[in-house]
Amino acid sequence: MPIDPRIQLALDMPLTERPSIRLVSGKRKRKSGYAAQPGTGPAGEKCKTCRHIRRVQGGAKTFPKCALIRWTKGPGTDIKVNAPACSRWAPQEPARP
């Protein structure tokens, strides 16, 4: 019984000629946890000095998030506390006595 030529072609093709989608794109997913592009805010300020930073408890770890965006339950919306401030940066309110 002869083999369908399309099946034979697939069987003859080496696996290395079919790179995964992840390798083809060559890009990392952009972090979407920031309200605006980091570095567009006041010079010298960081996310950790912003009013909008929140620290979310997740098991034994704490994850920094920005309160101005919608959070996911994964690392895609985490922010770096030492990232330069974005254009939505606001000074922290003074602590109440």
N, C-alpha and C. Protein backbone atom coordinates (compact mmCIF):
# COMPACT_ATOMS: atom_id res chain seq x y z
N MET A 1 0.84 -1.17 0.00
CA MET A 1 0.00 0.00 0.00
C MET A 1 0.89 1.25 0.00
N PRO A 2 0.72 2.15 -0.97
CA PRO A 2 1.57 3.35 -1.05
C PRO A 2 1.21 4.36 0.06
N ILE A 3 2.24 5.12 0.48
CA ILE A 3 2.05 6.16 1.51
C ILE A 3 1.69 7.47 0.83
N ASP A 4 0.77 8.17 1.42
CA ASP A 4 0.37 9.49 0.91
C ASP A 4 1.62 10.39 0.85
N PRO A 5 1.86 11.09 -0.27
CA PRO A 5 3.07 11.92 -0.39
C PRO A 5 3.16 13.01 0.68
N ARG A 6 2.04 13.52 1.12
CA ARG A 6 2.08 14.57 2.17
C ARG A 6 2.58 13.99 3.49
N ILE A 7 2.18 12.77 3.80
CA ILE A 7 2.64 12.12 5.02
C ILE A 7 4.12 11.78 4.90
N GLN A 8 4.53 11.31 3.74
CA GLN A 8 5.94 10.97 3.54
C GLN A 8 6.81 12.22 3.67
N LEU A 9 6.36 13.34 3.15
CA LEU A 9 7.11 14.59 3.27
C LEU A 9 7.29 14.98 4.73
N ALA A 10 6.22 14.84 5.53
CA ALA A 10 6.31 15.16 6.95
C ALA A 10 7.25 14.21 7.68
N LEU A 11 7.24 12.95 7.29
CA LEU A 11 8.12 11.98 7.93
C LEU A 11 9.59 12.21 7.57
N ASP A 12 9.86 12.70 6.37
CA ASP A 12 11.23 12.93 5.93
C ASP A 12 11.82 14.22 6.46
N MET A 13 10.97 15.15 6.87
CA MET A 13 11.45 16.45 7.32
C MET A 13 12.12 16.32 8.69
N PRO A 14 13.38 16.79 8.81
CA PRO A 14 14.03 16.73 10.13
C PRO A 14 13.35 17.68 11.11
N LEU A 15 13.38 17.31 12.37
CA LEU A 15 12.74 18.13 13.39
C LEU A 15 13.39 19.49 13.55
N THR A 16 14.66 19.62 13.23
CA THR A 16 15.37 20.88 13.41
C THR A 16 14.89 21.96 12.44
N GLU A 17 14.20 21.60 11.38
CA GLU A 17 13.70 22.59 10.43
C GLU A 17 12.39 23.21 10.90
N ARG A 18 11.85 22.74 12.00
CA ARG A 18 10.61 23.29 12.52
C ARG A 18 10.86 23.92 13.89
N PRO A 19 11.49 25.11 13.93
CA PRO A 19 11.76 25.73 15.22
C PRO A 19 10.46 26.14 15.91
N SER A 20 10.51 26.17 17.22
CA SER A 20 9.31 26.54 17.95
C SER A 20 9.01 28.02 17.76
N ILE A 21 7.80 28.39 18.01
CA ILE A 21 7.36 29.79 17.87
C ILE A 21 8.16 30.68 18.80
N ARG A 22 8.47 30.18 19.98
CA ARG A 22 9.21 30.96 20.96
C ARG A 22 10.59 31.34 20.43
N LEU A 23 11.27 30.40 19.75
CA LEU A 23 12.59 30.69 19.22
C LEU A 23 12.54 31.58 18.00
N VAL A 24 11.49 31.48 17.21
CA VAL A 24 11.38 32.27 15.99
C VAL A 24 11.21 33.75 16.32
N SER A 25 10.38 34.04 17.31
CA SER A 25 10.11 35.44 17.61
C SER A 25 11.34 36.13 18.18
N GLY A 26 12.11 35.44 19.04
CA GLY A 26 13.31 36.03 19.60
C GLY A 26 13.06 37.18 20.55
N LYS A 27 11.83 37.40 20.94
CA LYS A 27 11.49 38.52 21.81
C LYS A 27 10.97 38.00 23.14
N ARG A 28 11.25 38.75 24.16
CA ARG A 28 10.66 38.46 25.46
C ARG A 28 9.38 39.25 25.57
N LYS A 29 8.46 38.73 26.35
CA LYS A 29 7.21 39.44 26.55
C LYS A 29 7.48 40.71 27.36
N ARG A 30 6.91 41.81 26.90
CA ARG A 30 7.10 43.09 27.57
C ARG A 30 6.36 43.07 28.90
N LYS A 31 7.00 43.58 29.93
CA LYS A 31 6.36 43.70 31.23
C LYS A 31 5.24 44.72 31.12
N SER A 32 4.06 44.35 31.57
CA SER A 32 2.93 45.27 31.47
C SER A 32 2.46 45.73 32.83
N GLY A 33 3.32 45.71 33.84
CA GLY A 33 2.93 46.08 35.17
C GLY A 33 3.02 47.57 35.45
N TYR A 34 3.59 48.33 34.55
CA TYR A 34 3.77 49.76 34.77
C TYR A 34 2.63 50.55 34.16
N ALA A 35 2.27 51.66 34.82
CA ALA A 35 1.18 52.51 34.32
C ALA A 35 1.62 53.29 33.08
N ALA A 36 2.90 53.57 32.98
CA ALA A 36 3.47 54.27 31.82
C ALA A 36 4.91 53.78 31.66
N GLN A 37 5.57 54.21 30.61
CA GLN A 37 6.94 53.79 30.33
C GLN A 37 7.87 54.23 31.46
N PRO A 38 8.59 53.29 32.11
CA PRO A 38 9.54 53.68 33.16
C PRO A 38 10.61 54.62 32.61
N GLY A 39 10.96 55.62 33.41
CA GLY A 39 11.96 56.60 32.99
C GLY A 39 11.38 57.87 32.44
N THR A 40 10.05 57.95 32.33
CA THR A 40 9.42 59.16 31.78
C THR A 40 8.99 60.13 32.88
N GLY A 41 9.22 59.77 34.13
CA GLY A 41 8.81 60.60 35.27
C GLY A 41 9.92 61.52 35.74
N PRO A 42 9.77 62.05 36.96
CA PRO A 42 10.77 62.97 37.50
C PRO A 42 12.14 62.31 37.63
N ALA A 43 13.17 63.05 37.34
CA ALA A 43 14.53 62.53 37.42
C ALA A 43 14.88 62.20 38.87
N GLY A 44 15.55 61.08 39.05
CA GLY A 44 15.99 60.69 40.38
C GLY A 44 14.96 59.93 41.20
N GLU A 45 13.72 59.88 40.76
CA GLU A 45 12.68 59.16 41.50
C GLU A 45 12.58 57.73 41.00
N LYS A 46 12.13 56.86 41.87
CA LYS A 46 11.99 55.44 41.55
C LYS A 46 10.57 54.99 41.89
N CYS A 47 10.21 53.80 41.39
CA CYS A 47 8.87 53.26 41.69
C CYS A 47 8.65 53.11 43.18
N LYS A 48 9.71 52.79 43.94
CA LYS A 48 9.53 52.56 45.37
C LYS A 48 9.17 53.83 46.13
N THR A 49 9.35 55.01 45.53
CA THR A 49 8.99 56.25 46.20
C THR A 49 7.64 56.79 45.73
N CYS A 50 6.91 56.00 44.96
CA CYS A 50 5.63 56.44 44.39
C CYS A 50 4.46 56.09 45.31
N ARG A 51 3.46 56.89 45.28
CA ARG A 51 2.23 56.68 46.05
C ARG A 51 1.47 55.44 45.59
N HIS A 52 1.61 55.07 44.35
CA HIS A 52 0.80 54.01 43.76
C HIS A 52 1.38 52.61 43.92
N ILE A 53 2.54 52.47 44.54
CA ILE A 53 3.12 51.12 44.69
C ILE A 53 2.35 50.36 45.77
N ARG A 54 2.11 49.10 45.46
CA ARG A 54 1.45 48.19 46.43
C ARG A 54 2.30 46.94 46.51
N ARG A 55 2.36 46.39 47.69
CA ARG A 55 3.08 45.13 47.90
C ARG A 55 2.06 44.06 48.21
N VAL A 56 1.94 43.11 47.30
CA VAL A 56 0.91 42.08 47.39
C VAL A 56 1.53 40.81 47.98
N GLN A 57 0.92 40.31 49.03
CA GLN A 57 1.40 39.09 49.67
C GLN A 57 0.93 37.88 48.87
N GLY A 58 1.86 36.99 48.57
CA GLY A 58 1.53 35.77 47.84
C GLY A 58 2.28 34.61 48.45
N GLY A 59 1.68 33.95 49.41
CA GLY A 59 2.37 32.87 50.11
C GLY A 59 3.45 33.45 51.00
N ALA A 60 4.68 33.00 50.81
CA ALA A 60 5.80 33.49 51.62
C ALA A 60 6.51 34.67 50.97
N LYS A 61 6.06 35.09 49.80
CA LYS A 61 6.73 36.17 49.08
C LYS A 61 5.84 37.40 49.00
N THR A 62 6.47 38.53 48.70
CA THR A 62 5.77 39.79 48.48
C THR A 62 6.11 40.27 47.08
N PHE A 63 5.08 40.65 46.33
CA PHE A 63 5.26 41.07 44.95
C PHE A 63 4.85 42.52 44.77
N PRO A 64 5.77 43.39 44.27
CA PRO A 64 5.42 44.79 44.06
C PRO A 64 4.55 44.97 42.82
N LYS A 65 3.50 45.76 42.96
CA LYS A 65 2.57 46.02 41.86
C LYS A 65 2.26 47.52 41.83
N CYS A 66 1.78 47.99 40.69
CA CYS A 66 1.34 49.38 40.55
C CYS A 66 -0.18 49.40 40.68
N ALA A 67 -0.70 50.29 41.52
CA ALA A 67 -2.13 50.35 41.78
C ALA A 67 -2.92 50.95 40.62
N LEU A 68 -2.25 51.51 39.64
CA LEU A 68 -2.96 52.17 38.53
C LEU A 68 -3.34 51.22 37.40
N ILE A 69 -2.91 49.98 37.46
CA ILE A 69 -3.25 49.05 36.40
C ILE A 69 -3.98 47.84 36.96
N ARG A 70 -4.58 47.06 36.09
CA ARG A 70 -5.28 45.84 36.50
C ARG A 70 -4.26 44.72 36.67
N TRP A 71 -4.29 44.05 37.80
CA TRP A 71 -3.32 43.00 38.09
C TRP A 71 -3.79 41.66 37.57
N THR A 72 -2.81 40.84 37.25
CA THR A 72 -3.08 39.43 36.99
C THR A 72 -2.59 38.67 38.21
N LYS A 73 -2.77 37.39 38.20
CA LYS A 73 -2.26 36.60 39.33
C LYS A 73 -0.94 35.95 38.96
N GLY A 74 -0.16 36.64 38.14
CA GLY A 74 1.12 36.11 37.71
C GLY A 74 2.18 37.19 37.66
N PRO A 75 3.37 36.84 37.19
CA PRO A 75 4.49 37.78 37.19
C PRO A 75 4.41 38.87 36.12
N GLY A 76 3.46 38.79 35.22
CA GLY A 76 3.36 39.77 34.13
C GLY A 76 3.08 41.18 34.59
N THR A 77 2.48 41.35 35.76
CA THR A 77 2.16 42.69 36.25
C THR A 77 3.04 43.10 37.43
N ASP A 78 4.07 42.31 37.73
CA ASP A 78 5.03 42.72 38.76
C ASP A 78 5.85 43.88 38.21
N ILE A 79 6.30 44.74 39.11
CA ILE A 79 7.18 45.85 38.72
C ILE A 79 8.49 45.72 39.48
N LYS A 80 9.47 46.44 39.05
CA LYS A 80 10.75 46.50 39.76
C LYS A 80 10.74 47.77 40.59
N VAL A 81 10.98 47.63 41.89
CA VAL A 81 10.89 48.80 42.78
C VAL A 81 11.99 49.82 42.49
N ASN A 82 13.10 49.40 41.92
CA ASN A 82 14.19 50.33 41.61
C ASN A 82 14.14 50.85 40.17
N ALA A 83 13.04 50.60 39.47
CA ALA A 83 12.90 51.13 38.11
C ALA A 83 12.71 52.64 38.18
N PRO A 84 13.19 53.37 37.19
CA PRO A 84 12.97 54.82 37.18
C PRO A 84 11.47 55.13 37.12
N ALA A 85 11.09 56.23 37.74
CA ALA A 85 9.68 56.59 37.83
C ALA A 85 9.06 56.84 36.46
N CYS A 86 7.77 56.52 36.35
CA CYS A 86 7.05 56.77 35.10
C CYS A 86 6.35 58.12 35.18
N SER A 87 5.69 58.51 34.12
CA SER A 87 5.04 59.81 34.07
C SER A 87 3.83 59.91 35.00
N ARG A 88 3.35 58.79 35.52
CA ARG A 88 2.22 58.79 36.45
C ARG A 88 2.68 58.81 37.91
N TRP A 89 3.96 59.00 38.16
CA TRP A 89 4.53 59.01 39.50
C TRP A 89 3.91 60.13 40.34
N ALA A 90 3.64 59.82 41.59
CA ALA A 90 3.13 60.82 42.54
C ALA A 90 3.85 60.61 43.87
N PRO A 91 4.15 61.70 44.59
CA PRO A 91 4.87 61.53 45.86
C PRO A 91 4.01 60.80 46.89
N GLN A 92 4.68 60.06 47.77
CA GLN A 92 3.96 59.35 48.81
C GLN A 92 3.40 60.34 49.82
N GLU A 93 2.26 59.98 50.37
CA GLU A 93 1.67 60.83 51.40
C GLU A 93 2.47 60.66 52.69
N PRO A 94 2.65 61.73 53.47
CA PRO A 94 3.39 61.59 54.71
C PRO A 94 2.67 60.65 55.68
N ALA A 95 3.47 59.92 56.46
CA ALA A 95 2.89 58.97 57.41
C ALA A 95 2.14 59.73 58.51
N ARG A 96 1.01 59.16 58.90
CA ARG A 96 0.23 59.79 59.97
C ARG A 96 0.84 59.42 61.32
N PRO A 97 0.88 60.37 62.26
CA PRO A 97 1.47 60.08 63.58
C PRO A 97 0.61 59.17 64.42
